[in-house]
Amino acid sequence: MELAKVFDPGFSTADAEYPDIGMEEGDLILRFKDWREEVIEVFFSDVIAFKWQMTETFVEGEHYDRSHEILNSLWLAAHVSQGCIAETEEYKHYKFNFNGCGQLDVIANGFVKKT
């Protein structure tokens, strides 16, 4: 069963503006203004998959305005079973909920907030 584990990524998606999402040389770039009107820029390296959706779907333990790692992710497992990711690689399924705007799911090795 999928389970959402809340974590603090170093920024907040709660009450943020609609984000800009783009790709540059295989890296995913997320840009948005947070609730304080501060521009947040996040780089995801070695991205295998990502999706944005405006509908909200939740798994157990998930909050509508927080950031999560999805444990036992079916989406991540599908990428492993089809050979896109080796079982030994340490990819994670991240989910960022922009309450009122939508949800961003990303499978990547990690991410960094640009300062």
C-alpha atoms as a PDB file:
ATOM      1  CA  MET A   1       0.000   0.000   0.000  1.00  0.00           C
ATOM      2  CA  GLU A   2       1.283   3.449  -0.892  1.00  0.00           C
ATOM      3  CA  LEU A   3       2.002   5.751   2.023  1.00  0.00           C
ATOM      4  CA  ALA A   4       2.909   9.451   2.089  1.00  0.00           C
ATOM      5  CA  LYS A   5       5.777  10.482   4.362  1.00  0.00           C
ATOM      6  CA  VAL A   6       5.825  14.231   5.039  1.00  0.00           C
ATOM      7  CA  PHE A   7       9.233  15.900   4.810  1.00  0.00           C
ATOM      8  CA  ASP A   8      10.576  19.456   4.839  1.00  0.00           C
ATOM      9  CA  PRO A   9      12.230  20.237   1.477  1.00  0.00           C
ATOM     10  CA  GLY A  10      13.416  23.673   2.643  1.00  0.00           C
ATOM     11  CA  PHE A  11      10.496  25.546   1.049  1.00  0.00           C
ATOM     12  CA  SER A  12       6.717  25.609   1.330  1.00  0.00           C
ATOM     13  CA  THR A  13       4.156  24.902  -1.375  1.00  0.00           C
ATOM     14  CA  ALA A  14       1.243  25.955   0.870  1.00  0.00           C
ATOM     15  CA  ASP A  15      -0.637  28.918  -0.600  1.00  0.00           C
ATOM     16  CA  ALA A  16       1.949  29.228  -3.384  1.00  0.00           C
ATOM     17  CA  GLU A  17       1.164  30.633  -6.800  1.00  0.00           C
ATOM     18  CA  TYR A  18       0.744  28.400  -9.837  1.00  0.00           C
ATOM     19  CA  PRO A  19       4.232  27.059 -10.673  1.00  0.00           C
ATOM     20  CA  ASP A  20       6.317  27.148 -13.837  1.00  0.00           C
ATOM     21  CA  ILE A  21       7.683  23.699 -14.671  1.00  0.00           C
ATOM     22  CA  GLY A  22      10.319  23.109 -17.343  1.00  0.00           C
ATOM     23  CA  MET A  23      13.190  20.924 -18.498  1.00  0.00           C
ATOM     24  CA  GLU A  24      16.775  21.978 -19.172  1.00  0.00           C
ATOM     25  CA  GLU A  25      19.295  19.371 -20.324  1.00  0.00           C
ATOM     26  CA  GLY A  26      17.488  16.528 -18.554  1.00  0.00           C
ATOM     27  CA  ASP A  27      16.951  18.423 -15.302  1.00  0.00           C
ATOM     28  CA  LEU A  28      13.508  19.473 -14.138  1.00  0.00           C
ATOM     29  CA  ILE A  29      13.171  23.066 -12.950  1.00  0.00           C
ATOM     30  CA  LEU A  30      10.329  24.170 -10.708  1.00  0.00           C
ATOM     31  CA  ARG A  31       9.738  27.910 -10.124  1.00  0.00           C
ATOM     32  CA  PHE A  32       6.987  29.537  -8.092  1.00  0.00           C
ATOM     33  CA  LYS A  33       6.228  32.342  -5.664  1.00  0.00           C
ATOM     34  CA  ASP A  34       5.568  31.138  -2.141  1.00  0.00           C
ATOM     35  CA  TRP A  35       3.101  32.626   0.330  1.00  0.00           C
ATOM     36  CA  ARG A  36       5.632  35.370   1.188  1.00  0.00           C
ATOM     37  CA  GLU A  37       5.965  36.339  -2.500  1.00  0.00           C
ATOM     38  CA  GLU A  38       9.520  34.915  -2.493  1.00  0.00           C
ATOM     39  CA  VAL A  39      10.565  33.270  -5.768  1.00  0.00           C
ATOM     40  CA  ILE A  40      11.505  29.639  -5.166  1.00  0.00           C
ATOM     41  CA  GLU A  41      13.575  27.730  -7.721  1.00  0.00           C
ATOM     42  CA  VAL A  42      14.142  23.981  -7.371  1.00  0.00           C
ATOM     43  CA  PHE A  43      16.305  21.747  -9.570  1.00  0.00           C
ATOM     44  CA  PHE A  44      15.625  18.008  -9.812  1.00  0.00           C
ATOM     45  CA  SER A  45      18.561  16.028 -11.178  1.00  0.00           C
ATOM     46  CA  ASP A  46      18.406  12.869 -13.253  1.00  0.00           C
ATOM     47  CA  VAL A  47      14.622  12.935 -13.589  1.00  0.00           C
ATOM     48  CA  ILE A  48      13.020   9.705 -14.781  1.00  0.00           C
ATOM     49  CA  ALA A  49       9.417  10.962 -14.798  1.00  0.00           C
ATOM     50  CA  PHE A  50       7.251  13.845 -13.689  1.00  0.00           C
ATOM     51  CA  LYS A  51       3.622  14.870 -13.944  1.00  0.00           C
ATOM     52  CA  TRP A  52       1.502  17.856 -13.032  1.00  0.00           C
ATOM     53  CA  GLN A  53      -2.196  17.517 -12.375  1.00  0.00           C
ATOM     54  CA  MET A  54      -4.782  19.997 -11.228  1.00  0.00           C
ATOM     55  CA  THR A  55      -7.029  17.330  -9.741  1.00  0.00           C
ATOM     56  CA  GLU A  56      -6.115  16.296  -6.227  1.00  0.00           C
ATOM     57  CA  THR A  57      -5.584  12.645  -5.364  1.00  0.00           C
ATOM     58  CA  PHE A  58      -4.203  11.549  -2.015  1.00  0.00           C
ATOM     59  CA  VAL A  59      -2.732   8.422  -0.449  1.00  0.00           C
ATOM     60  CA  GLU A  60      -2.671   7.557   3.234  1.00  0.00           C
ATOM     61  CA  GLY A  61      -0.792  10.118   5.325  1.00  0.00           C
ATOM     62  CA  GLU A  62      -0.812  12.822   2.665  1.00  0.00           C
ATOM     63  CA  HIS A  63      -1.602  16.488   3.358  1.00  0.00           C
ATOM     64  CA  TYR A  64      -3.082  18.812   0.733  1.00  0.00           C
ATOM     65  CA  ASP A  65      -0.467  21.542   1.293  1.00  0.00           C
ATOM     66  CA  ARG A  66       2.766  19.711   2.123  1.00  0.00           C
ATOM     67  CA  SER A  67       5.659  17.885   0.475  1.00  0.00           C
ATOM     68  CA  HIS A  68       5.945  14.110   0.619  1.00  0.00           C
ATOM     69  CA  GLU A  69       7.957  11.095  -0.323  1.00  0.00           C
ATOM     70  CA  ILE A  70       5.594   8.392  -1.554  1.00  0.00           C
ATOM     71  CA  LEU A  71       6.675   5.087  -0.031  1.00  0.00           C
ATOM     72  CA  ASN A  72       5.798   1.821  -1.805  1.00  0.00           C
ATOM     73  CA  SER A  73       5.048   3.913  -4.885  1.00  0.00           C
ATOM     74  CA  LEU A  74       3.271   2.006  -7.638  1.00  0.00           C
ATOM     75  CA  TRP A  75       4.465   4.585 -10.173  1.00  0.00           C
ATOM     76  CA  LEU A  76       8.105   4.094  -9.132  1.00  0.00           C
ATOM     77  CA  ALA A  77       7.656   0.294  -9.113  1.00  0.00           C
ATOM     78  CA  ALA A  78       6.333   0.428 -12.695  1.00  0.00           C
ATOM     79  CA  HIS A  79       9.519   2.202 -13.808  1.00  0.00           C
ATOM     80  CA  VAL A  80      11.661  -0.426 -12.056  1.00  0.00           C
ATOM     81  CA  SER A  81       9.688  -3.375 -13.465  1.00  0.00           C
ATOM     82  CA  GLN A  82       9.974  -2.006 -17.008  1.00  0.00           C
ATOM     83  CA  GLY A  83      13.736  -1.548 -16.700  1.00  0.00           C
ATOM     84  CA  CYS A  84      13.812   2.270 -16.694  1.00  0.00           C
ATOM     85  CA  ILE A  85      15.395   2.178 -13.227  1.00  0.00           C
ATOM     86  CA  ALA A  86      17.612  -0.564 -11.786  1.00  0.00           C
ATOM     87  CA  GLU A  87      16.505  -1.941  -8.420  1.00  0.00           C
ATOM     88  CA  THR A  88      19.841  -0.866  -6.931  1.00  0.00           C
ATOM     89  CA  GLU A  89      19.378   2.794  -7.904  1.00  0.00           C
ATOM     90  CA  GLU A  90      18.112   5.136  -5.222  1.00  0.00           C
ATOM     91  CA  TYR A  91      15.342   7.028  -6.986  1.00  0.00           C
ATOM     92  CA  LYS A  92      12.455   8.418  -4.968  1.00  0.00           C
ATOM     93  CA  HIS A  93       8.893   9.426  -5.744  1.00  0.00           C
ATOM     94  CA  TYR A  94       8.394  12.996  -4.516  1.00  0.00           C
ATOM     95  CA  LYS A  95       5.020  14.699  -4.397  1.00  0.00           C
ATOM     96  CA  PHE A  96       4.491  18.413  -3.855  1.00  0.00           C
ATOM     97  CA  ASN A  97       0.956  19.575  -3.140  1.00  0.00           C
ATOM     98  CA  PHE A  98       0.142  23.153  -4.108  1.00  0.00           C
ATOM     99  CA  ASN A  99      -3.175  23.446  -2.321  1.00  0.00           C
ATOM    100  CA  GLY A 100      -5.701  24.991  -4.660  1.00  0.00           C
ATOM    101  CA  CYS A 101      -3.381  24.826  -7.720  1.00  0.00           C
ATOM    102  CA  GLY A 102      -2.500  21.169  -8.211  1.00  0.00           C
ATOM    103  CA  GLN A 103       0.091  18.483  -7.541  1.00  0.00           C
ATOM    104  CA  LEU A 104       3.587  17.803  -8.894  1.00  0.00           C
ATOM    105  CA  ASP A 105       4.922  14.226  -8.806  1.00  0.00           C
ATOM    106  CA  VAL A 106       8.579  13.613  -9.638  1.00  0.00           C
ATOM    107  CA  ILE A 107      10.762  10.490  -9.777  1.00  0.00           C
ATOM    108  CA  ALA A 108      14.352  11.639  -9.353  1.00  0.00           C
ATOM    109  CA  ASN A 109      17.624  11.031  -7.501  1.00  0.00           C
ATOM    110  CA  GLY A 110      17.103  14.205  -5.515  1.00  0.00           C
ATOM    111  CA  PHE A 111      16.611  17.933  -5.731  1.00  0.00           C
ATOM    112  CA  VAL A 112      18.222  21.196  -4.660  1.00  0.00           C
ATOM    113  CA  LYS A 113      16.644  24.536  -3.855  1.00  0.00           C
ATOM    114  CA  LYS A 114      18.565  27.248  -5.660  1.00  0.00           C
ATOM    115  CA  THR A 115      19.455  30.165  -3.409  1.00  0.00           C
END
